Amino acid sequence: MLKQFFIASSLLLCVVLSSPAFASKDTGTAEKQPIIITAETLTADNKNNTAVFEGTVVAQTSDMTMSSDKMTVYYDNSDSKVSKIHALGNVKVLNNARVLFANEAVYLDNENKIIFTGNPKAVEGDNVITGDKIIFFLHDERAVVEGSRVILQNKKDLK
């Protein structure tokens, strides 16, 4: 039984680490990048194709970092890829000079977007955007904000 759990967990980690999730935006195609996820605990459910990471969870790729209290990774064994990541509690996503915060975030691989809810806030430099929901499209680097409030800092000196 323990041997089967070890084999299943190893296969799960291979799926998670070789997923095209958070694919590189530099190329027009979804280039496979490893996702490195660290957490205090991991509960793998191979029957339901999920992995639940809890306690100081950090998921990293070469150009993005997502952290939260709990992260559920949904994967497809037939395609060997992550289909969805659901992050809960103190969510923070760092992408280049942009940081997004929320109580909850859902990454959808097939749409290549992250949906932030629960007091979402995007910060870039001194500029801040808040709203009811922020949808960030990774390849386009664009966002749709529902119920938005924007604070833009005008740094130009008037002469």
N, C-alpha and C. Protein backbone atom coordinates (compact mmCIF):
# COMPACT_ATOMS: atom_id res chain seq x y z
N MET A 1 0.83 -1.19 0.00
CA MET A 1 0.00 0.00 0.00
C MET A 1 0.86 1.25 0.00
N LEU A 2 1.89 1.28 0.87
CA LEU A 2 2.78 2.43 0.95
C LEU A 2 3.55 2.59 -0.36
N LYS A 3 3.95 1.46 -0.96
CA LYS A 3 4.68 1.52 -2.23
C LYS A 3 3.80 2.12 -3.33
N GLN A 4 2.51 1.73 -3.38
CA GLN A 4 1.59 2.28 -4.37
C GLN A 4 1.40 3.77 -4.17
N PHE A 5 1.29 4.22 -2.91
CA PHE A 5 1.14 5.65 -2.63
C PHE A 5 2.40 6.40 -3.10
N PHE A 6 3.57 5.85 -2.83
CA PHE A 6 4.81 6.50 -3.23
C PHE A 6 4.90 6.62 -4.75
N ILE A 7 4.55 5.56 -5.46
CA ILE A 7 4.58 5.59 -6.93
C ILE A 7 3.57 6.60 -7.46
N ALA A 8 2.36 6.60 -6.91
CA ALA A 8 1.33 7.54 -7.35
C ALA A 8 1.74 8.98 -7.07
N SER A 9 2.31 9.23 -5.90
CA SER A 9 2.75 10.59 -5.56
C SER A 9 3.90 11.03 -6.47
N SER A 10 4.79 10.12 -6.79
CA SER A 10 5.90 10.46 -7.69
C SER A 10 5.37 10.81 -9.08
N LEU A 11 4.40 10.04 -9.56
CA LEU A 11 3.81 10.34 -10.86
C LEU A 11 3.10 11.69 -10.84
N LEU A 12 2.41 11.99 -9.75
CA LEU A 12 1.74 13.27 -9.60
C LEU A 12 2.75 14.41 -9.68
N LEU A 13 3.84 14.28 -8.98
CA LEU A 13 4.85 15.35 -9.00
C LEU A 13 5.43 15.52 -10.40
N CYS A 14 5.61 14.43 -11.13
CA CYS A 14 6.09 14.55 -12.52
C CYS A 14 5.10 15.32 -13.37
N VAL A 15 3.80 15.03 -13.19
CA VAL A 15 2.76 15.76 -13.92
C VAL A 15 2.80 17.24 -13.58
N VAL A 16 2.84 17.54 -12.28
CA VAL A 16 2.83 18.94 -11.84
C VAL A 16 4.07 19.67 -12.32
N LEU A 17 5.21 19.03 -12.23
CA LEU A 17 6.46 19.72 -12.56
C LEU A 17 6.70 19.87 -14.06
N SER A 18 5.99 19.11 -14.90
CA SER A 18 6.21 19.24 -16.34
C SER A 18 5.02 19.88 -17.05
N SER A 19 4.15 20.52 -16.32
CA SER A 19 2.94 21.11 -16.89
C SER A 19 3.23 22.39 -17.67
N PRO A 20 2.42 22.69 -18.71
CA PRO A 20 2.56 23.96 -19.40
C PRO A 20 1.87 25.10 -18.67
N ALA A 21 1.39 24.86 -17.46
CA ALA A 21 0.75 25.93 -16.71
C ALA A 21 1.70 27.09 -16.55
N PHE A 22 1.16 28.27 -16.56
CA PHE A 22 1.96 29.49 -16.51
C PHE A 22 2.96 29.51 -17.65
N ALA A 23 2.53 29.09 -18.85
CA ALA A 23 3.43 28.99 -19.99
C ALA A 23 4.08 30.32 -20.31
N SER A 24 5.26 30.24 -20.87
CA SER A 24 6.04 31.43 -21.17
C SER A 24 5.32 32.31 -22.18
N LYS A 25 5.33 33.61 -21.93
CA LYS A 25 4.66 34.54 -22.84
C LYS A 25 5.58 34.98 -23.97
N ASP A 26 6.86 34.63 -23.91
CA ASP A 26 7.81 35.07 -24.91
C ASP A 26 7.59 34.40 -26.26
N THR A 27 7.06 33.20 -26.25
CA THR A 27 6.83 32.51 -27.50
C THR A 27 5.34 32.44 -27.75
N GLY A 28 4.98 32.22 -28.99
CA GLY A 28 3.57 32.13 -29.34
C GLY A 28 2.95 30.81 -28.95
N THR A 29 3.77 29.84 -28.60
CA THR A 29 3.24 28.53 -28.24
C THR A 29 3.41 28.29 -26.76
N ALA A 30 2.63 27.37 -26.26
CA ALA A 30 2.72 27.01 -24.85
C ALA A 30 3.93 26.11 -24.66
N GLU A 31 4.96 26.67 -24.15
CA GLU A 31 6.21 25.96 -23.94
C GLU A 31 6.18 25.36 -22.55
N LYS A 32 6.50 24.07 -22.45
CA LYS A 32 6.46 23.42 -21.14
C LYS A 32 7.55 23.97 -20.25
N GLN A 33 7.13 24.41 -19.08
CA GLN A 33 8.05 24.89 -18.06
C GLN A 33 7.75 24.11 -16.79
N PRO A 34 8.76 23.85 -16.02
CA PRO A 34 8.47 23.18 -14.75
C PRO A 34 7.78 24.13 -13.78
N ILE A 35 6.87 23.59 -12.99
CA ILE A 35 6.25 24.32 -11.89
C ILE A 35 6.81 23.67 -10.63
N ILE A 36 7.44 24.45 -9.81
CA ILE A 36 7.98 23.93 -8.55
C ILE A 36 7.05 24.40 -7.44
N ILE A 37 6.43 23.44 -6.74
CA ILE A 37 5.50 23.77 -5.67
C ILE A 37 6.06 23.26 -4.35
N THR A 38 6.13 24.17 -3.38
CA THR A 38 6.56 23.79 -2.04
C THR A 38 5.43 24.09 -1.07
N ALA A 39 5.31 23.27 -0.04
CA ALA A 39 4.26 23.44 0.97
C ALA A 39 4.62 22.61 2.19
N GLU A 40 3.93 22.88 3.29
CA GLU A 40 4.14 22.09 4.49
C GLU A 40 3.58 20.68 4.35
N THR A 41 2.41 20.57 3.67
CA THR A 41 1.82 19.24 3.46
C THR A 41 1.28 19.10 2.05
N LEU A 42 1.26 17.87 1.58
CA LEU A 42 0.68 17.52 0.28
C LEU A 42 -0.22 16.32 0.48
N THR A 43 -1.47 16.44 -0.01
CA THR A 43 -2.40 15.32 0.00
C THR A 43 -2.76 15.02 -1.44
N ALA A 44 -2.32 13.87 -1.93
CA ALA A 44 -2.57 13.49 -3.32
C ALA A 44 -3.78 12.58 -3.39
N ASP A 45 -4.69 12.87 -4.32
CA ASP A 45 -5.88 12.06 -4.55
C ASP A 45 -5.88 11.67 -6.01
N ASN A 46 -5.25 10.54 -6.32
CA ASN A 46 -5.12 10.12 -7.71
C ASN A 46 -6.43 9.68 -8.34
N LYS A 47 -7.39 9.26 -7.52
CA LYS A 47 -8.70 8.87 -8.04
C LYS A 47 -9.43 10.08 -8.62
N ASN A 48 -9.29 11.24 -7.95
CA ASN A 48 -9.94 12.47 -8.41
C ASN A 48 -8.98 13.42 -9.14
N ASN A 49 -7.76 12.99 -9.37
CA ASN A 49 -6.75 13.79 -10.08
C ASN A 49 -6.54 15.16 -9.45
N THR A 50 -6.37 15.17 -8.13
CA THR A 50 -6.10 16.43 -7.44
C THR A 50 -4.93 16.26 -6.48
N ALA A 51 -4.30 17.38 -6.21
CA ALA A 51 -3.25 17.44 -5.20
C ALA A 51 -3.52 18.69 -4.37
N VAL A 52 -3.63 18.53 -3.07
CA VAL A 52 -3.91 19.65 -2.19
C VAL A 52 -2.64 19.96 -1.40
N PHE A 53 -2.13 21.17 -1.61
CA PHE A 53 -0.96 21.66 -0.91
C PHE A 53 -1.44 22.63 0.17
N GLU A 54 -0.93 22.48 1.39
CA GLU A 54 -1.37 23.35 2.48
C GLU A 54 -0.17 23.83 3.29
N GLY A 55 -0.30 25.06 3.79
CA GLY A 55 0.72 25.64 4.65
C GLY A 55 1.86 26.28 3.88
N THR A 56 1.86 27.59 3.81
CA THR A 56 2.92 28.36 3.15
C THR A 56 3.21 27.78 1.76
N VAL A 57 2.21 27.77 0.91
CA VAL A 57 2.32 27.18 -0.43
C VAL A 57 2.93 28.20 -1.39
N VAL A 58 3.92 27.76 -2.16
CA VAL A 58 4.54 28.62 -3.17
C VAL A 58 4.69 27.79 -4.45
N ALA A 59 4.11 28.30 -5.55
CA ALA A 59 4.25 27.68 -6.86
C ALA A 59 5.04 28.63 -7.74
N GLN A 60 6.14 28.13 -8.32
CA GLN A 60 7.03 28.99 -9.11
C GLN A 60 7.29 28.43 -10.49
N THR A 61 7.34 29.34 -11.46
CA THR A 61 7.88 29.05 -12.78
C THR A 61 9.00 30.05 -13.00
N SER A 62 9.56 30.07 -14.19
CA SER A 62 10.67 30.98 -14.45
C SER A 62 10.25 32.44 -14.44
N ASP A 63 8.97 32.73 -14.71
CA ASP A 63 8.55 34.14 -14.79
C ASP A 63 7.36 34.50 -13.90
N MET A 64 6.92 33.58 -13.03
CA MET A 64 5.77 33.88 -12.18
C MET A 64 5.86 33.09 -10.88
N THR A 65 5.39 33.73 -9.80
CA THR A 65 5.31 33.07 -8.50
C THR A 65 3.92 33.28 -7.93
N MET A 66 3.27 32.20 -7.49
CA MET A 66 1.97 32.28 -6.84
C MET A 66 2.11 31.67 -5.45
N SER A 67 1.62 32.39 -4.44
CA SER A 67 1.66 31.85 -3.08
C SER A 67 0.29 31.98 -2.44
N SER A 68 -0.01 31.08 -1.50
CA SER A 68 -1.28 31.11 -0.78
C SER A 68 -1.19 30.19 0.43
N ASP A 69 -2.25 30.18 1.22
CA ASP A 69 -2.32 29.29 2.38
C ASP A 69 -2.61 27.85 1.94
N LYS A 70 -3.45 27.71 0.91
CA LYS A 70 -3.86 26.40 0.41
C LYS A 70 -3.97 26.46 -1.10
N MET A 71 -3.54 25.41 -1.77
CA MET A 71 -3.61 25.38 -3.23
C MET A 71 -4.02 23.97 -3.66
N THR A 72 -5.10 23.91 -4.44
CA THR A 72 -5.55 22.63 -4.99
C THR A 72 -5.20 22.61 -6.47
N VAL A 73 -4.44 21.60 -6.86
CA VAL A 73 -4.01 21.46 -8.25
C VAL A 73 -4.83 20.33 -8.87
N TYR A 74 -5.50 20.64 -9.98
CA TYR A 74 -6.28 19.66 -10.73
C TYR A 74 -5.46 19.28 -11.95
N TYR A 75 -5.26 18.00 -12.17
CA TYR A 75 -4.42 17.56 -13.28
C TYR A 75 -5.12 16.49 -14.09
N ASP A 76 -4.64 16.34 -15.31
CA ASP A 76 -5.19 15.35 -16.25
C ASP A 76 -4.09 14.34 -16.53
N ASN A 77 -4.28 13.13 -16.06
CA ASN A 77 -3.26 12.10 -16.27
C ASN A 77 -3.07 11.75 -17.73
N SER A 78 -4.15 11.81 -18.53
CA SER A 78 -4.03 11.43 -19.93
C SER A 78 -3.18 12.42 -20.72
N ASP A 79 -3.25 13.71 -20.37
CA ASP A 79 -2.45 14.73 -21.04
C ASP A 79 -1.18 15.08 -20.28
N SER A 80 -1.05 14.56 -19.08
CA SER A 80 0.08 14.87 -18.20
C SER A 80 0.26 16.38 -18.03
N LYS A 81 -0.84 17.05 -17.67
CA LYS A 81 -0.75 18.49 -17.47
C LYS A 81 -1.73 18.96 -16.41
N VAL A 82 -1.43 20.14 -15.87
CA VAL A 82 -2.29 20.78 -14.90
C VAL A 82 -3.40 21.49 -15.66
N SER A 83 -4.65 21.27 -15.26
CA SER A 83 -5.77 21.94 -15.93
C SER A 83 -6.26 23.16 -15.16
N LYS A 84 -6.09 23.13 -13.81
CA LYS A 84 -6.61 24.22 -13.00
C LYS A 84 -5.85 24.25 -11.68
N ILE A 85 -5.67 25.46 -11.16
CA ILE A 85 -5.10 25.64 -9.83
C ILE A 85 -6.02 26.57 -9.07
N HIS A 86 -6.46 26.13 -7.89
CA HIS A 86 -7.34 26.94 -7.05
C HIS A 86 -6.57 27.31 -5.79
N ALA A 87 -6.28 28.59 -5.63
CA ALA A 87 -5.52 29.07 -4.47
C ALA A 87 -6.47 29.79 -3.51
N LEU A 88 -6.33 29.50 -2.22
CA LEU A 88 -7.20 30.08 -1.20
C LEU A 88 -6.37 30.66 -0.05
N GLY A 89 -6.74 31.85 0.38
CA GLY A 89 -6.12 32.46 1.55
C GLY A 89 -4.81 33.16 1.27
N ASN A 90 -4.78 34.46 1.48
CA ASN A 90 -3.56 35.26 1.30
C ASN A 90 -2.86 35.01 -0.03
N VAL A 91 -3.64 35.07 -1.10
CA VAL A 91 -3.09 34.80 -2.43
C VAL A 91 -2.26 35.99 -2.90
N LYS A 92 -1.10 35.67 -3.44
CA LYS A 92 -0.21 36.69 -4.00
C LYS A 92 0.41 36.12 -5.27
N VAL A 93 0.32 36.89 -6.36
CA VAL A 93 0.93 36.48 -7.61
C VAL A 93 1.89 37.58 -8.05
N LEU A 94 3.13 37.21 -8.25
CA LEU A 94 4.16 38.13 -8.71
C LEU A 94 4.50 37.78 -10.15
N ASN A 95 4.29 38.75 -11.05
CA ASN A 95 4.56 38.57 -12.47
C ASN A 95 5.27 39.82 -12.96
N ASN A 96 6.57 39.71 -13.21
CA ASN A 96 7.41 40.86 -13.58
C ASN A 96 7.32 41.91 -12.47
N ALA A 97 6.99 43.15 -12.80
CA ALA A 97 6.91 44.22 -11.79
C ALA A 97 5.50 44.36 -11.23
N ARG A 98 4.60 43.45 -11.57
CA ARG A 98 3.20 43.51 -11.16
C ARG A 98 2.94 42.49 -10.06
N VAL A 99 2.21 42.92 -9.04
CA VAL A 99 1.83 42.02 -7.95
C VAL A 99 0.32 42.07 -7.80
N LEU A 100 -0.31 40.91 -7.73
CA LEU A 100 -1.76 40.83 -7.53
C LEU A 100 -2.02 40.10 -6.22
N PHE A 101 -2.96 40.65 -5.45
CA PHE A 101 -3.33 40.09 -4.15
C PHE A 101 -4.83 39.78 -4.17
N ALA A 102 -5.24 38.75 -3.44
CA ALA A 102 -6.67 38.42 -3.31
C ALA A 102 -6.83 37.38 -2.22
N ASN A 103 -8.08 37.15 -1.85
CA ASN A 103 -8.39 36.06 -0.92
C ASN A 103 -8.44 34.73 -1.64
N GLU A 104 -8.73 34.78 -2.96
CA GLU A 104 -8.89 33.56 -3.75
C GLU A 104 -8.49 33.82 -5.19
N ALA A 105 -7.90 32.81 -5.83
CA ALA A 105 -7.54 32.92 -7.24
C ALA A 105 -7.70 31.54 -7.90
N VAL A 106 -8.13 31.56 -9.16
CA VAL A 106 -8.27 30.32 -9.93
C VAL A 106 -7.53 30.50 -11.25
N TYR A 107 -6.54 29.63 -11.47
CA TYR A 107 -5.82 29.60 -12.74
C TYR A 107 -6.48 28.56 -13.62
N LEU A 108 -6.85 28.97 -14.85
CA LEU A 108 -7.47 28.06 -15.82
C LEU A 108 -6.51 27.90 -16.99
N ASP A 109 -5.93 26.70 -17.12
CA ASP A 109 -4.93 26.46 -18.15
C ASP A 109 -5.48 26.61 -19.56
N ASN A 110 -6.68 26.07 -19.82
CA ASN A 110 -7.23 26.10 -21.18
C ASN A 110 -7.54 27.52 -21.66
N GLU A 111 -7.76 28.45 -20.73
CA GLU A 111 -8.03 29.85 -21.09
C GLU A 111 -6.83 30.75 -20.79
N ASN A 112 -5.80 30.19 -20.20
CA ASN A 112 -4.57 30.89 -19.85
C ASN A 112 -4.85 32.20 -19.11
N LYS A 113 -5.66 32.08 -18.05
CA LYS A 113 -6.01 33.26 -17.26
C LYS A 113 -6.08 32.90 -15.79
N ILE A 114 -6.00 33.95 -14.96
CA ILE A 114 -6.16 33.81 -13.52
C ILE A 114 -7.29 34.74 -13.10
N ILE A 115 -8.25 34.21 -12.36
CA ILE A 115 -9.38 35.00 -11.88
C ILE A 115 -9.18 35.24 -10.38
N PHE A 116 -9.10 36.51 -10.00
CA PHE A 116 -8.88 36.89 -8.60
C PHE A 116 -10.19 37.41 -8.02
N THR A 117 -10.59 36.89 -6.85
CA THR A 117 -11.79 37.36 -6.15
C THR A 117 -11.47 37.51 -4.66
N GLY A 118 -12.37 38.16 -3.95
CA GLY A 118 -12.14 38.37 -2.53
C GLY A 118 -11.15 39.50 -2.29
N ASN A 119 -11.60 40.72 -2.47
CA ASN A 119 -10.77 41.92 -2.30
C ASN A 119 -9.51 41.91 -3.17
N PRO A 120 -9.66 41.67 -4.48
CA PRO A 120 -8.47 41.63 -5.32
C PRO A 120 -7.86 43.02 -5.50
N LYS A 121 -6.53 43.03 -5.62
CA LYS A 121 -5.81 44.29 -5.79
C LYS A 121 -4.59 44.01 -6.66
N ALA A 122 -4.39 44.85 -7.68
CA ALA A 122 -3.21 44.78 -8.53
C ALA A 122 -2.36 46.01 -8.29
N VAL A 123 -1.06 45.80 -8.10
CA VAL A 123 -0.14 46.89 -7.83
C VAL A 123 1.00 46.82 -8.82
N GLU A 124 1.26 47.96 -9.47
CA GLU A 124 2.41 48.07 -10.36
C GLU A 124 3.04 49.42 -10.08
N GLY A 125 4.19 49.39 -9.42
CA GLY A 125 4.81 50.64 -8.99
C GLY A 125 3.93 51.30 -7.95
N ASP A 126 3.60 52.59 -8.17
CA ASP A 126 2.72 53.32 -7.26
C ASP A 126 1.25 53.24 -7.67
N ASN A 127 0.96 52.59 -8.79
CA ASN A 127 -0.40 52.49 -9.30
C ASN A 127 -1.11 51.28 -8.68
N VAL A 128 -2.37 51.49 -8.30
CA VAL A 128 -3.15 50.43 -7.65
C VAL A 128 -4.52 50.32 -8.30
N ILE A 129 -4.94 49.09 -8.58
CA ILE A 129 -6.27 48.82 -9.11
C ILE A 129 -6.94 47.82 -8.18
N THR A 130 -8.16 48.15 -7.74
CA THR A 130 -8.94 47.23 -6.93
C THR A 130 -10.28 47.00 -7.63
N GLY A 131 -10.99 45.99 -7.21
CA GLY A 131 -12.29 45.72 -7.79
C GLY A 131 -12.96 44.55 -7.11
N ASP A 132 -14.10 44.16 -7.65
CA ASP A 132 -14.81 42.98 -7.14
C ASP A 132 -14.17 41.70 -7.67
N LYS A 133 -13.69 41.78 -8.92
CA LYS A 133 -13.05 40.64 -9.59
C LYS A 133 -12.03 41.18 -10.57
N ILE A 134 -10.85 40.56 -10.60
CA ILE A 134 -9.82 40.90 -11.58
C ILE A 134 -9.51 39.63 -12.36
N ILE A 135 -9.63 39.71 -13.67
CA ILE A 135 -9.30 38.58 -14.54
C ILE A 135 -8.04 38.98 -15.31
N PHE A 136 -6.96 38.23 -15.08
CA PHE A 136 -5.68 38.54 -15.72
C PHE A 136 -5.39 37.49 -16.79
N PHE A 137 -5.24 37.95 -18.05
CA PHE A 137 -4.94 37.08 -19.19
C PHE A 137 -3.42 37.05 -19.36
N LEU A 138 -2.83 35.89 -19.14
CA LEU A 138 -1.37 35.77 -19.06
C LEU A 138 -0.65 36.08 -20.37
N HIS A 139 -1.09 35.49 -21.49
CA HIS A 139 -0.38 35.71 -22.76
C HIS A 139 -0.49 37.15 -23.24
N ASP A 140 -1.64 37.78 -23.02
CA ASP A 140 -1.85 39.15 -23.50
C ASP A 140 -1.36 40.19 -22.52
N GLU A 141 -1.10 39.76 -21.28
CA GLU A 141 -0.76 40.69 -20.20
C GLU A 141 -1.79 41.82 -20.11
N ARG A 142 -3.05 41.42 -20.11
CA ARG A 142 -4.13 42.39 -19.97
C ARG A 142 -5.07 41.91 -18.88
N ALA A 143 -5.81 42.87 -18.33
CA ALA A 143 -6.72 42.53 -17.25
C ALA A 143 -8.09 43.13 -17.50
N VAL A 144 -9.10 42.45 -17.02
CA VAL A 144 -10.47 42.95 -16.99
C VAL A 144 -10.83 43.06 -15.52
N VAL A 145 -11.29 44.25 -15.12
CA VAL A 145 -11.61 44.49 -13.71
C VAL A 145 -13.08 44.84 -13.60
N GLU A 146 -13.80 44.08 -12.78
CA GLU A 146 -15.21 44.36 -12.53
C GLU A 146 -15.32 45.16 -11.24
N GLY A 147 -16.12 46.24 -11.26
CA GLY A 147 -16.27 47.09 -10.08
C GLY A 147 -14.97 47.78 -9.71
N SER A 148 -14.33 48.39 -10.69
CA SER A 148 -12.96 48.88 -10.50
C SER A 148 -12.86 50.22 -9.79
N ARG A 149 -11.75 50.37 -9.11
CA ARG A 149 -11.31 51.62 -8.52
C ARG A 149 -9.83 51.70 -8.83
N VAL A 150 -9.41 52.80 -9.48
CA VAL A 150 -8.04 52.93 -9.95
C VAL A 150 -7.38 54.13 -9.32
N ILE A 151 -6.16 53.94 -8.83
CA ILE A 151 -5.35 55.04 -8.31
C ILE A 151 -4.08 55.08 -9.15
N LEU A 152 -3.97 56.11 -10.01
CA LEU A 152 -2.80 56.29 -10.86
C LEU A 152 -1.98 57.46 -10.34
N GLN A 153 -0.72 57.25 -10.19
CA GLN A 153 0.19 58.30 -9.72
C GLN A 153 0.75 59.03 -10.94
N ASN A 154 0.56 60.34 -10.99
CA ASN A 154 1.10 61.16 -12.08
C ASN A 154 2.44 61.70 -11.62
N LYS A 155 3.50 61.17 -12.19
CA LYS A 155 4.84 61.52 -11.76
C LYS A 155 5.46 62.64 -12.57
N LYS A 156 4.77 63.15 -13.61
CA LYS A 156 5.32 64.21 -14.44
C LYS A 156 5.29 65.55 -13.69
N ASP A 157 6.38 66.23 -13.75
CA ASP A 157 6.43 67.58 -13.18
C ASP A 157 5.91 68.57 -14.20
N LEU A 158 5.03 69.46 -13.77
CA LEU A 158 4.52 70.50 -14.64
C LEU A 158 5.45 71.69 -14.58
N LYS A 159 5.92 72.18 -15.72
CA LYS A 159 6.85 73.31 -15.75
C LYS A 159 6.24 74.47 -16.46
